[in-house]
Amino acid sequence: MPDDRKALRQQIRRQRRSLSATEQKQHAKQLCLNLKQQLWFRRARKIALYLPNDGEISPNRLFAYAGN
């Protein structure tokens, strides 16, 4: 079982890394739009964000939105 999870993580990491900068920005924009539509997100009093690493989607748009 642990080998399956490790293989899955490696596959997802490869897929993230294969995205162009433009594609990464598009995905970050879409994530922000999707979350802004969620009532639970809009009502949240505290939100934890992360620093993107290894091709992860950047939460910068969410950070800017949550700061307003």
Protein backbone atom coordinates (compact mmCIF):
# COMPACT_ATOMS: atom_id res chain seq x y z
CA MET A 1 0.00 0.00 0.00
CA PRO A 2 2.69 2.60 0.84
CA ASP A 3 4.33 1.91 -2.54
CA ASP A 4 1.04 2.70 -4.28
CA ARG A 5 0.81 6.05 -2.53
CA LYS A 6 4.42 6.84 -3.31
CA ALA A 7 3.89 6.02 -6.99
CA LEU A 8 0.73 8.15 -7.07
CA ARG A 9 2.54 11.10 -5.48
CA GLN A 10 5.36 10.78 -8.01
CA GLN A 11 2.88 10.66 -10.90
CA ILE A 12 1.04 13.75 -9.67
CA ARG A 13 4.35 15.56 -9.14
CA ARG A 14 5.39 14.78 -12.73
CA GLN A 15 2.05 16.04 -14.03
CA ARG A 16 2.38 19.29 -12.07
CA ARG A 17 5.89 19.85 -13.31
CA SER A 18 4.82 19.29 -16.91
CA LEU A 19 2.43 22.27 -16.85
CA SER A 20 3.64 25.46 -18.48
CA ALA A 21 3.75 28.70 -16.47
CA THR A 22 0.65 29.86 -18.35
CA GLU A 23 -1.22 26.67 -17.51
CA GLN A 24 -0.21 26.96 -13.85
CA LYS A 25 -1.55 30.53 -13.75
CA GLN A 26 -4.80 29.43 -15.40
CA HIS A 27 -5.27 26.67 -12.83
CA ALA A 28 -4.53 29.07 -9.96
CA LYS A 29 -7.09 31.53 -11.35
CA GLN A 30 -9.72 28.81 -11.72
CA LEU A 31 -9.08 27.53 -8.20
CA CYS A 32 -9.57 31.02 -6.80
CA LEU A 33 -12.79 31.51 -8.76
CA ASN A 34 -14.13 28.14 -7.63
CA LEU A 35 -13.37 28.76 -3.97
CA LYS A 36 -14.80 32.28 -4.02
CA GLN A 37 -18.12 30.76 -5.07
CA GLN A 38 -18.21 28.42 -2.07
CA LEU A 39 -20.32 29.68 0.81
CA TRP A 40 -18.18 27.88 3.39
CA PHE A 41 -15.11 29.64 2.00
CA ARG A 42 -16.72 33.06 1.99
CA ARG A 43 -17.90 32.60 5.58
CA ALA A 44 -14.55 31.35 6.85
CA ARG A 45 -13.02 33.51 9.55
CA LYS A 46 -9.57 31.95 9.29
CA ILE A 47 -7.88 30.51 6.24
CA ALA A 48 -4.46 28.85 6.15
CA LEU A 49 -2.48 29.07 2.94
CA TYR A 50 0.83 27.54 1.91
CA LEU A 51 3.90 28.54 -0.03
CA PRO A 52 3.81 26.69 -3.35
CA ASN A 53 6.51 24.10 -3.88
CA ASP A 54 7.41 21.68 -6.64
CA GLY A 55 4.89 22.94 -9.19
CA GLU A 56 1.95 23.28 -6.79
CA ILE A 57 -0.81 25.74 -7.58
CA SER A 58 0.03 29.16 -6.24
CA PRO A 59 -2.40 30.49 -3.62
CA ASN A 60 -1.40 34.12 -4.26
CA ARG A 61 -4.78 35.06 -5.76
CA LEU A 62 -6.52 33.54 -2.74
CA PHE A 63 -4.17 35.41 -0.43
CA ALA A 64 -5.03 38.69 -2.12
CA TYR A 65 -8.76 37.87 -2.06
CA ALA A 66 -8.74 36.81 1.60
CA GLY A 67 -6.86 39.95 2.59
CA ASN A 68 -9.71 42.20 1.42
